[in-house]
Amino acid sequence: MTVDEGDINDSFRGLMQSLNLDENQFKNYDIEFETLSFPQLSAVKSEMESQLDMDTALLSGDGYPRNDIDVVSIRLIRVKVIRLRNDYKKVLELLEKKLVEQLGRSSTAQVENEIRVPETPPLIPFALVKEVAFESPAFNSGLEEGDKIILFDNDIHVRNHDKLASISRRVSNRIDQPIKVEILRNEQQQSLELTPTNNWNGRGVLGCRIIPL
């Protein structure tokens, strides 16, 4: 003969009521612990810890065995507590596993962030401005003959300008769009905004020559 789980639960519920005890003191956890997140598992762990004192329901107020509980009832309560302890052990194991996974993800994210940190462009002059035409785009931006370019459009610098071909390509693709230019003038760094355009009376879209250093 098998005993249905529902019958056990009904018997337990009746027992707790007869003892004037809260049946929720020994809560059933009919859930898949594996599906819970780390914070959810932590909450379940705390809840279980408040229920795990096996002797609470079996002792009188002065600490002696209660004479109003028979052996069957004691066994029933202990079965519930044993199940609860098994669930508690499983929750602890899953918490440890998820904590390791969480720390692993944090470490991986930190490494990825470190990898993504862009390299600071070297502020070394690589080009020289020559022959700035009056009222040209270069003139209107504030460029002067003798200015030394150290950074063009935030990412073209001494290591990647490709004999100034990178500047030429960028200018061709940014007609009538502002380009930030970092220069050295009299050993002082300055930021200018250069807008290449055909809308002026001179030759080219800049109105100056730029030569490599």
Protein backbone atom coordinates (compact mmCIF):
# COMPACT_ATOMS: atom_id res chain seq x y z
CA MET A 1 0.00 0.00 0.00
CA THR A 2 1.37 3.42 -0.92
CA VAL A 3 0.69 6.66 0.85
CA ASP A 4 -0.29 9.55 -1.37
CA GLU A 5 1.72 12.76 -0.94
CA GLY A 6 -1.54 14.64 -0.66
CA ASP A 7 -2.61 12.45 2.25
CA ILE A 8 0.68 13.18 4.02
CA ASN A 9 0.24 16.88 3.50
CA ASP A 10 -3.37 16.75 4.71
CA SER A 11 -2.34 14.80 7.81
CA PHE A 12 0.47 17.21 8.51
CA ARG A 13 -1.83 20.19 8.08
CA GLY A 14 -4.33 18.71 10.53
CA LEU A 15 -1.59 17.90 13.02
CA MET A 16 -0.21 21.42 12.99
CA GLN A 17 -3.68 22.88 13.48
CA SER A 18 -4.33 20.58 16.41
CA LEU A 19 -1.07 21.74 18.00
CA ASN A 20 -1.93 25.39 17.38
CA LEU A 21 1.14 25.66 15.16
CA ASP A 22 1.56 27.38 11.84
CA GLU A 23 1.77 24.77 9.07
CA ASN A 24 3.84 27.24 7.04
CA GLN A 25 6.62 26.67 9.57
CA PHE A 26 7.48 23.68 7.37
CA LYS A 27 6.82 25.01 3.91
CA ASN A 28 6.81 22.74 0.85
CA TYR A 29 9.08 23.92 -1.97
CA ASP A 30 7.50 22.53 -5.13
CA ILE A 31 9.82 24.51 -7.37
CA GLU A 32 12.82 23.84 -9.55
CA PHE A 33 15.63 25.45 -7.59
CA GLU A 34 17.87 25.35 -10.69
CA THR A 35 15.62 27.93 -12.38
CA LEU A 36 16.05 30.51 -9.62
CA SER A 37 18.47 33.39 -9.84
CA PHE A 38 21.16 34.03 -7.24
CA PRO A 39 19.08 36.65 -5.35
CA GLN A 40 16.02 34.36 -5.41
CA LEU A 41 18.04 31.43 -4.06
CA SER A 42 19.43 33.67 -1.31
CA ALA A 43 15.90 34.61 -0.28
CA VAL A 44 14.82 30.94 -0.21
CA LYS A 45 17.89 30.07 1.87
CA SER A 46 17.01 32.71 4.46
CA GLU A 47 13.41 31.51 4.55
CA MET A 48 14.50 27.90 5.05
CA GLU A 49 16.86 28.82 7.86
CA SER A 50 13.94 30.27 9.79
CA GLN A 51 12.17 26.88 9.58
CA LEU A 52 14.99 24.44 10.25
CA ASP A 53 14.78 24.07 14.04
CA MET A 54 13.42 20.51 14.22
CA ASP A 55 12.85 20.68 17.95
CA THR A 56 10.67 23.80 17.91
CA ALA A 57 7.41 21.97 17.29
CA LEU A 58 8.34 18.99 19.47
CA LEU A 59 9.22 20.69 22.75
CA SER A 60 7.15 22.47 25.33
CA GLY A 61 7.83 26.02 26.38
CA ASP A 62 10.21 24.86 29.15
CA GLY A 63 12.18 22.63 26.75
CA TYR A 64 10.68 19.22 27.59
CA PRO A 65 9.09 16.83 25.05
CA ARG A 66 5.45 17.67 24.54
CA ASN A 67 3.17 15.02 26.04
CA ASP A 68 0.35 15.89 23.63
CA ILE A 69 2.17 14.59 20.54
CA ASP A 70 2.24 10.88 19.73
CA VAL A 71 5.10 9.01 18.04
CA VAL A 72 3.40 9.08 14.62
CA SER A 73 3.05 12.84 14.81
CA ILE A 74 6.67 13.26 15.81
CA ARG A 75 7.77 11.14 12.86
CA LEU A 76 5.56 13.15 10.53
CA ILE A 77 7.12 16.41 11.65
CA ARG A 78 10.61 14.97 11.39
CA VAL A 79 9.94 13.75 7.84
CA LYS A 80 8.95 17.27 6.91
CA VAL A 81 12.07 18.70 8.51
CA ILE A 82 14.33 16.14 6.83
CA ARG A 83 12.85 17.04 3.45
CA LEU A 84 13.36 20.69 4.25
CA ARG A 85 16.98 20.05 5.17
CA ASN A 86 17.54 18.18 1.92
CA ASP A 87 16.08 21.12 0.00
CA TYR A 88 18.25 23.45 2.05
CA LYS A 89 21.37 21.47 1.16
CA LYS A 90 20.45 21.62 -2.51
CA VAL A 91 19.90 25.38 -2.31
CA LEU A 92 23.32 25.85 -0.69
CA GLU A 93 24.98 23.83 -3.46
CA LEU A 94 23.22 25.85 -6.16
CA LEU A 95 24.08 29.12 -4.42
CA GLU A 96 27.75 28.16 -4.43
CA LYS A 97 27.58 27.18 -8.10
CA LYS A 98 25.79 30.38 -9.15
CA LEU A 99 28.17 32.51 -7.09
CA VAL A 100 31.13 30.99 -8.94
CA GLU A 101 29.37 31.60 -12.27
CA GLN A 102 28.54 35.17 -11.28
CA LEU A 103 32.11 35.91 -10.25
CA GLY A 104 33.33 34.32 -13.48
CA ARG A 105 31.06 36.55 -15.56
CA SER A 106 32.22 39.61 -13.64
CA SER A 107 35.87 38.72 -14.25
CA THR A 108 35.21 38.09 -17.94
CA ALA A 109 33.37 41.38 -18.30
CA GLN A 110 36.21 43.19 -16.55
CA VAL A 111 38.77 41.62 -18.89
CA GLU A 112 36.65 42.49 -21.93
CA ASN A 113 36.31 46.07 -20.73
CA GLU A 114 40.05 46.28 -20.27
CA ILE A 115 40.57 44.91 -23.76
CA ARG A 116 38.15 47.45 -25.20
CA VAL A 117 39.87 50.43 -23.59
CA PRO A 118 41.02 52.45 -26.59
CA GLU A 119 44.66 53.31 -26.87
CA THR A 120 45.33 57.00 -26.32
CA PRO A 121 46.58 58.46 -29.61
CA PRO A 122 50.18 59.65 -29.37
CA LEU A 123 50.35 63.45 -29.51
CA ILE A 124 53.33 63.63 -31.86
CA PRO A 125 53.33 66.03 -34.84
CA PHE A 126 53.22 64.22 -38.18
CA ALA A 127 52.16 66.89 -40.69
CA LEU A 128 52.92 70.53 -41.39
CA VAL A 129 50.45 73.14 -42.68
CA LYS A 130 51.73 75.26 -45.58
CA GLU A 131 50.40 78.02 -47.85
CA VAL A 132 47.05 78.82 -46.22
CA ALA A 133 44.95 80.75 -48.76
CA PHE A 134 43.04 83.82 -47.61
CA GLU A 135 39.36 83.13 -46.79
CA SER A 136 39.82 79.43 -47.54
CA PRO A 137 38.27 76.70 -45.36
CA ALA A 138 41.66 76.26 -43.67
CA PHE A 139 41.95 80.03 -43.09
CA ASN A 140 38.41 80.24 -41.68
CA SER A 141 39.10 77.33 -39.32
CA GLY A 142 42.02 79.21 -37.80
CA LEU A 143 44.81 77.14 -39.34
CA GLU A 144 48.03 79.03 -39.94
CA GLU A 145 51.14 78.26 -41.93
CA GLY A 146 53.60 76.43 -39.72
CA ASP A 147 50.96 74.68 -37.61
CA LYS A 148 51.88 71.07 -36.86
CA ILE A 149 49.07 68.51 -36.93
CA ILE A 150 49.15 65.94 -34.12
CA LEU A 151 45.62 64.47 -34.43
CA PHE A 152 43.13 64.61 -37.29
CA ASP A 153 39.44 63.77 -36.79
CA ASN A 154 40.16 62.13 -33.41
CA ASP A 155 41.81 58.98 -34.78
CA ILE A 156 44.41 59.78 -37.46
CA HIS A 157 47.81 60.22 -35.85
CA VAL A 158 51.54 59.64 -36.28
CA ARG A 159 51.20 55.85 -36.29
CA ASN A 160 48.47 55.43 -38.88
CA HIS A 161 48.36 58.43 -41.24
CA ASP A 162 49.80 56.32 -44.11
CA LYS A 163 51.96 59.12 -45.54
CA LEU A 164 48.95 61.47 -45.18
CA ALA A 165 46.78 59.25 -47.42
CA SER A 166 44.43 58.74 -44.45
CA ILE A 167 43.88 62.50 -44.21
CA SER A 168 43.17 62.74 -47.94
CA ARG A 169 40.58 59.94 -47.79
CA ARG A 170 38.92 61.37 -44.69
CA VAL A 171 38.66 64.86 -46.20
CA SER A 172 37.09 63.44 -49.38
CA ASN A 173 34.43 61.68 -47.30
CA ARG A 174 33.67 64.66 -45.06
CA ILE A 175 32.88 67.46 -47.50
CA ASP A 176 30.82 70.16 -45.74
CA GLN A 177 31.21 68.31 -42.44
CA PRO A 178 33.35 69.60 -39.55
CA ILE A 179 36.57 67.76 -38.71
CA LYS A 180 38.35 68.24 -35.40
CA VAL A 181 42.06 68.98 -35.80
CA GLU A 182 44.58 69.03 -32.95
CA ILE A 183 47.65 71.13 -33.69
CA LEU A 184 50.82 72.39 -32.10
CA ARG A 185 51.49 76.10 -32.54
CA ASN A 186 54.50 77.62 -30.80
CA GLU A 187 54.69 74.43 -28.71
CA GLN A 188 51.11 74.99 -27.47
CA GLN A 189 48.37 72.47 -28.24
CA GLN A 190 45.18 73.84 -29.78
CA SER A 191 41.91 72.36 -31.08
CA LEU A 192 40.39 73.65 -34.32
CA GLU A 193 37.40 72.69 -36.44
CA LEU A 194 38.05 72.39 -40.16
CA THR A 195 35.17 72.04 -42.65
CA PRO A 196 36.24 70.95 -46.17
CA THR A 197 34.10 72.56 -48.87
CA ASN A 198 34.01 73.49 -52.53
CA ASN A 199 31.98 76.57 -51.67
CA TRP A 200 34.77 79.13 -51.89
CA ASN A 201 36.65 80.92 -54.69
CA GLY A 202 39.96 79.07 -54.51
CA ARG A 203 41.34 75.65 -55.39
CA GLY A 204 40.74 72.46 -53.46
CA VAL A 205 38.47 71.84 -50.52
CA LEU A 206 40.91 72.98 -47.81
CA GLY A 207 42.80 75.90 -49.31
CA CYS A 208 46.15 74.87 -47.89
CA ARG A 209 48.91 72.34 -48.35
CA ILE A 210 49.64 69.66 -45.79
CA ILE A 211 53.02 67.96 -45.99
CA PRO A 212 54.46 65.10 -43.90
CA LEU A 213 57.05 65.80 -41.25
